[in-house]
Amino acid sequence: MARRAVNSPGYHVPIRGFSQVVLAPDGKRLAFVSGLTARTADGTIVHVGDVGGQTRQVLENLRAVLSAAGATLDDVVQIRTYVRDVSHWSRIQEVWERFWGDVWPASTLVEVRRLYDERQLIEMEAVAAVGSRNRRPAAARARPPRRAERGARR
């Protein structure tokens, strides 16, 4: 089951796609994703000066780290976005609509003076509702056996 948005008639919905509350499906564990930026796997910052391009890269990076935890972008229930210039929101929103569709995660957008590297325009951190309580992430299942485990098999 994908995330489910709940919007109260008692509070204004400021923009299309905004979710006041997002319910995580029953039986899921929460995964907390650290802030991600527009870096490639080798650490190169990409799309310098292009907030739309950096937003796409951040969401692709989020997709990759969630996959390692056995989750997808559809499992994200909350996202916090830090931007250097909030006036770029319309470009960020265009990318979000392609990635999130009609039901966005619960979200917060904060303008900050600077991120870790001055070439970074955006950073996102997330919370995702991952798999069943008994399912281990793909990365955990794929790890090589520890020395004690190898010895026990003999």
C-alpha atoms as a PDB file:
ATOM      1  CA  MET A   1       0.000   0.000   0.000  1.00  0.00           C
ATOM      2  CA  ALA A   2       1.357   3.420  -0.953  1.00  0.00           C
ATOM      3  CA  ARG A   3       1.376   6.407   1.370  1.00  0.00           C
ATOM      4  CA  ARG A   4      -2.027   7.932   2.017  1.00  0.00           C
ATOM      5  CA  ALA A   5      -2.560  11.663   2.444  1.00  0.00           C
ATOM      6  CA  VAL A   6      -5.071  13.147   4.856  1.00  0.00           C
ATOM      7  CA  ASN A   7      -5.983  16.819   4.436  1.00  0.00           C
ATOM      8  CA  SER A   8      -8.230  18.493   6.997  1.00  0.00           C
ATOM      9  CA  PRO A   9     -10.828  21.042   5.874  1.00  0.00           C
ATOM     10  CA  GLY A  10      -9.760  22.966   8.993  1.00  0.00           C
ATOM     11  CA  TYR A  11      -6.332  23.855   7.576  1.00  0.00           C
ATOM     12  CA  HIS A  12      -5.448  25.491   4.259  1.00  0.00           C
ATOM     13  CA  VAL A  13      -3.778  23.382   1.563  1.00  0.00           C
ATOM     14  CA  PRO A  14      -1.319  25.933   0.118  1.00  0.00           C
ATOM     15  CA  ILE A  15      -0.394  24.167  -3.147  1.00  0.00           C
ATOM     16  CA  ARG A  16      -1.532  21.235  -5.236  1.00  0.00           C
ATOM     17  CA  GLY A  17       0.127  18.030  -4.049  1.00  0.00           C
ATOM     18  CA  PHE A  18       0.624  19.252  -0.461  1.00  0.00           C
ATOM     19  CA  SER A  19      -0.159  16.622   2.169  1.00  0.00           C
ATOM     20  CA  GLN A  20      -0.937  17.793   5.717  1.00  0.00           C
ATOM     21  CA  VAL A  21      -0.651  14.279   7.142  1.00  0.00           C
ATOM     22  CA  VAL A  22       0.704  11.125   5.521  1.00  0.00           C
ATOM     23  CA  LEU A  23      -0.232   7.771   6.999  1.00  0.00           C
ATOM     24  CA  ALA A  24       2.374   5.039   6.825  1.00  0.00           C
ATOM     25  CA  PRO A  25       0.959   1.588   6.071  1.00  0.00           C
ATOM     26  CA  ASP A  26       0.503  -0.835   8.968  1.00  0.00           C
ATOM     27  CA  GLY A  27       3.344  -3.251   9.653  1.00  0.00           C
ATOM     28  CA  LYS A  28       6.092  -1.070   8.164  1.00  0.00           C
ATOM     29  CA  ARG A  29       9.345   0.009   9.789  1.00  0.00           C
ATOM     30  CA  LEU A  30      10.566   3.587   9.505  1.00  0.00           C
ATOM     31  CA  ALA A  31      13.815   4.351   7.682  1.00  0.00           C
ATOM     32  CA  PHE A  32      15.431   7.733   8.302  1.00  0.00           C
ATOM     33  CA  VAL A  33      17.440   9.020   5.339  1.00  0.00           C
ATOM     34  CA  SER A  34      20.210  11.551   5.969  1.00  0.00           C
ATOM     35  CA  GLY A  35      20.410  14.729   3.934  1.00  0.00           C
ATOM     36  CA  LEU A  36      21.211  14.025   0.292  1.00  0.00           C
ATOM     37  CA  THR A  37      22.601  16.475  -2.247  1.00  0.00           C
ATOM     38  CA  ALA A  38      23.249  16.541  -5.991  1.00  0.00           C
ATOM     39  CA  ARG A  39      26.349  14.347  -5.937  1.00  0.00           C
ATOM     40  CA  THR A  40      27.068  11.425  -8.189  1.00  0.00           C
ATOM     41  CA  ALA A  41      28.336   8.094  -6.843  1.00  0.00           C
ATOM     42  CA  ASP A  42      31.936   9.351  -7.101  1.00  0.00           C
ATOM     43  CA  GLY A  43      31.117  12.522  -5.108  1.00  0.00           C
ATOM     44  CA  THR A  44      30.992  14.980  -8.005  1.00  0.00           C
ATOM     45  CA  ILE A  45      28.474  17.800  -7.542  1.00  0.00           C
ATOM     46  CA  VAL A  46      26.369  18.017 -10.701  1.00  0.00           C
ATOM     47  CA  HIS A  47      24.030  20.591 -12.238  1.00  0.00           C
ATOM     48  CA  VAL A  48      25.881  23.497 -10.623  1.00  0.00           C
ATOM     49  CA  GLY A  49      23.643  26.585 -10.843  1.00  0.00           C
ATOM     50  CA  ASP A  50      20.576  24.529 -11.935  1.00  0.00           C
ATOM     51  CA  VAL A  51      18.169  23.877  -9.047  1.00  0.00           C
ATOM     52  CA  GLY A  52      15.880  21.751 -11.246  1.00  0.00           C
ATOM     53  CA  GLY A  53      18.774  19.510 -12.279  1.00  0.00           C
ATOM     54  CA  GLN A  54      20.034  19.277  -8.705  1.00  0.00           C
ATOM     55  CA  THR A  55      16.521  18.391  -7.488  1.00  0.00           C
ATOM     56  CA  ARG A  56      16.340  15.544 -10.041  1.00  0.00           C
ATOM     57  CA  GLN A  57      19.772  14.272  -8.942  1.00  0.00           C
ATOM     58  CA  VAL A  58      18.817  14.402  -5.256  1.00  0.00           C
ATOM     59  CA  LEU A  59      15.656  12.392  -5.934  1.00  0.00           C
ATOM     60  CA  GLU A  60      17.599   9.865  -8.033  1.00  0.00           C
ATOM     61  CA  ASN A  61      20.063   9.562  -5.142  1.00  0.00           C
ATOM     62  CA  LEU A  62      17.138   9.103  -2.754  1.00  0.00           C
ATOM     63  CA  ARG A  63      15.764   6.367  -5.007  1.00  0.00           C
ATOM     64  CA  ALA A  64      19.175   4.611  -4.923  1.00  0.00           C
ATOM     65  CA  VAL A  65      19.673   4.712  -1.149  1.00  0.00           C
ATOM     66  CA  LEU A  66      16.085   3.646  -0.516  1.00  0.00           C
ATOM     67  CA  SER A  67      16.565   0.695  -2.861  1.00  0.00           C
ATOM     68  CA  ALA A  68      19.525  -0.444  -0.747  1.00  0.00           C
ATOM     69  CA  ALA A  69      17.151  -0.414   2.252  1.00  0.00           C
ATOM     70  CA  GLY A  70      14.439  -2.379   0.424  1.00  0.00           C
ATOM     71  CA  ALA A  71      12.253   0.679  -0.233  1.00  0.00           C
ATOM     72  CA  THR A  72      11.132   2.927  -3.104  1.00  0.00           C
ATOM     73  CA  LEU A  73      10.176   6.559  -3.498  1.00  0.00           C
ATOM     74  CA  ASP A  74       6.554   5.465  -3.004  1.00  0.00           C
ATOM     75  CA  ASP A  75       7.501   4.482   0.561  1.00  0.00           C
ATOM     76  CA  VAL A  76       8.587   8.025   1.507  1.00  0.00           C
ATOM     77  CA  VAL A  77       6.164   9.486   4.057  1.00  0.00           C
ATOM     78  CA  GLN A  78       8.045  12.668   4.980  1.00  0.00           C
ATOM     79  CA  ILE A  79      10.575  14.877   3.244  1.00  0.00           C
ATOM     80  CA  ARG A  80      12.477  17.921   4.472  1.00  0.00           C
ATOM     81  CA  THR A  81      13.945  20.147   1.796  1.00  0.00           C
ATOM     82  CA  TYR A  82      16.579  22.798   2.405  1.00  0.00           C
ATOM     83  CA  VAL A  83      17.117  25.321  -0.396  1.00  0.00           C
ATOM     84  CA  ARG A  84      19.423  28.263  -0.830  1.00  0.00           C
ATOM     85  CA  ASP A  85      16.695  30.348  -2.493  1.00  0.00           C
ATOM     86  CA  VAL A  86      13.012  29.654  -1.847  1.00  0.00           C
ATOM     87  CA  SER A  87      12.077  31.648  -4.959  1.00  0.00           C
ATOM     88  CA  HIS A  88      13.234  28.568  -6.938  1.00  0.00           C
ATOM     89  CA  TRP A  89      10.249  26.609  -5.596  1.00  0.00           C
ATOM     90  CA  SER A  90       8.431  26.515  -8.954  1.00  0.00           C
ATOM     91  CA  ARG A  91      11.381  24.641 -10.554  1.00  0.00           C
ATOM     92  CA  ILE A  92      11.590  22.259  -7.606  1.00  0.00           C
ATOM     93  CA  GLN A  93       7.829  21.691  -7.716  1.00  0.00           C
ATOM     94  CA  GLU A  94       7.976  20.714 -11.407  1.00  0.00           C
ATOM     95  CA  VAL A  95      10.452  17.951 -10.575  1.00  0.00           C
ATOM     96  CA  TRP A  96       8.479  16.867  -7.498  1.00  0.00           C
ATOM     97  CA  GLU A  97       5.328  16.466  -9.590  1.00  0.00           C
ATOM     98  CA  ARG A  98       7.173  14.068 -11.910  1.00  0.00           C
ATOM     99  CA  PHE A  99       8.619  12.019  -9.028  1.00  0.00           C
ATOM    100  CA  TRP A 100       5.813  12.160  -6.426  1.00  0.00           C
ATOM    101  CA  GLY A 101       2.689  12.414  -8.607  1.00  0.00           C
ATOM    102  CA  ASP A 102      -0.515  13.589  -6.920  1.00  0.00           C
ATOM    103  CA  VAL A 103       0.197  12.450  -3.345  1.00  0.00           C
ATOM    104  CA  TRP A 104       3.341  13.988  -1.935  1.00  0.00           C
ATOM    105  CA  PRO A 105       5.022  12.966   1.283  1.00  0.00           C
ATOM    106  CA  ALA A 106       4.404  15.231   4.258  1.00  0.00           C
ATOM    107  CA  SER A 107       6.897  17.992   3.588  1.00  0.00           C
ATOM    108  CA  THR A 108       8.733  21.013   4.880  1.00  0.00           C
ATOM    109  CA  LEU A 109      10.650  23.520   2.774  1.00  0.00           C
ATOM    110  CA  VAL A 110      13.274  25.672   4.504  1.00  0.00           C
ATOM    111  CA  GLU A 111      15.466  28.389   3.004  1.00  0.00           C
ATOM    112  CA  VAL A 112      19.020  28.298   4.330  1.00  0.00           C
ATOM    113  CA  ARG A 113      21.936  30.660   3.878  1.00  0.00           C
ATOM    114  CA  ARG A 114      24.321  27.942   2.779  1.00  0.00           C
ATOM    115  CA  LEU A 115      24.688  24.176   2.446  1.00  0.00           C
ATOM    116  CA  TYR A 116      27.899  22.193   3.045  1.00  0.00           C
ATOM    117  CA  ASP A 117      29.333  23.114  -0.370  1.00  0.00           C
ATOM    118  CA  GLU A 118      28.494  26.502  -1.870  1.00  0.00           C
ATOM    119  CA  ARG A 119      27.710  24.831  -5.246  1.00  0.00           C
ATOM    120  CA  GLN A 120      24.853  22.900  -3.643  1.00  0.00           C
ATOM    121  CA  LEU A 121      21.453  24.549  -4.075  1.00  0.00           C
ATOM    122  CA  ILE A 122      19.248  21.912  -2.446  1.00  0.00           C
ATOM    123  CA  GLU A 123      19.431  19.128   0.141  1.00  0.00           C
ATOM    124  CA  MET A 124      16.699  16.673   1.134  1.00  0.00           C
ATOM    125  CA  GLU A 125      16.272  14.238   3.996  1.00  0.00           C
ATOM    126  CA  ALA A 126      13.450  11.735   4.209  1.00  0.00           C
ATOM    127  CA  VAL A 127      11.532   9.237   6.294  1.00  0.00           C
ATOM    128  CA  ALA A 128      10.250   6.114   4.546  1.00  0.00           C
ATOM    129  CA  ALA A 129       7.963   3.284   5.679  1.00  0.00           C
ATOM    130  CA  VAL A 130       9.878   0.165   4.661  1.00  0.00           C
ATOM    131  CA  GLY A 131       8.714  -3.413   4.084  1.00  0.00           C
ATOM    132  CA  SER A 132       7.273  -5.713   6.674  1.00  0.00           C
ATOM    133  CA  ARG A 133       8.781  -5.985  10.126  1.00  0.00           C
ATOM    134  CA  ASN A 134      10.293  -9.375   9.247  1.00  0.00           C
ATOM    135  CA  ARG A 135      11.875  -8.459   5.922  1.00  0.00           C
ATOM    136  CA  ARG A 136      15.543  -7.454   5.850  1.00  0.00           C
ATOM    137  CA  PRO A 137      16.765  -4.844   3.313  1.00  0.00           C
ATOM    138  CA  ALA A 138      18.499  -6.112   0.178  1.00  0.00           C
ATOM    139  CA  ALA A 139      21.811  -4.628   1.339  1.00  0.00           C
ATOM    140  CA  ALA A 140      21.611  -6.585   4.612  1.00  0.00           C
ATOM    141  CA  ARG A 141      20.669  -9.821   2.856  1.00  0.00           C
ATOM    142  CA  ALA A 142      23.549  -9.467   0.391  1.00  0.00           C
ATOM    143  CA  ARG A 143      26.317  -8.995   2.968  1.00  0.00           C
ATOM    144  CA  PRO A 144      29.002 -11.700   3.074  1.00  0.00           C
ATOM    145  CA  PRO A 145      28.885 -13.987   6.104  1.00  0.00           C
ATOM    146  CA  ARG A 146      30.910 -12.963   9.133  1.00  0.00           C
ATOM    147  CA  ARG A 147      33.935 -15.034  10.068  1.00  0.00           C
ATOM    148  CA  ALA A 148      32.048 -16.747  12.939  1.00  0.00           C
ATOM    149  CA  GLU A 149      29.211 -17.671  10.553  1.00  0.00           C
ATOM    150  CA  ARG A 150      31.637 -19.159   8.009  1.00  0.00           C
ATOM    151  CA  GLY A 151      33.277 -21.273  10.706  1.00  0.00           C
ATOM    152  CA  ALA A 152      29.939 -22.539  11.998  1.00  0.00           C
ATOM    153  CA  ARG A 153      29.026 -23.913   8.568  1.00  0.00           C
ATOM    154  CA  ARG A 154      31.961 -26.312   8.395  1.00  0.00           C
END
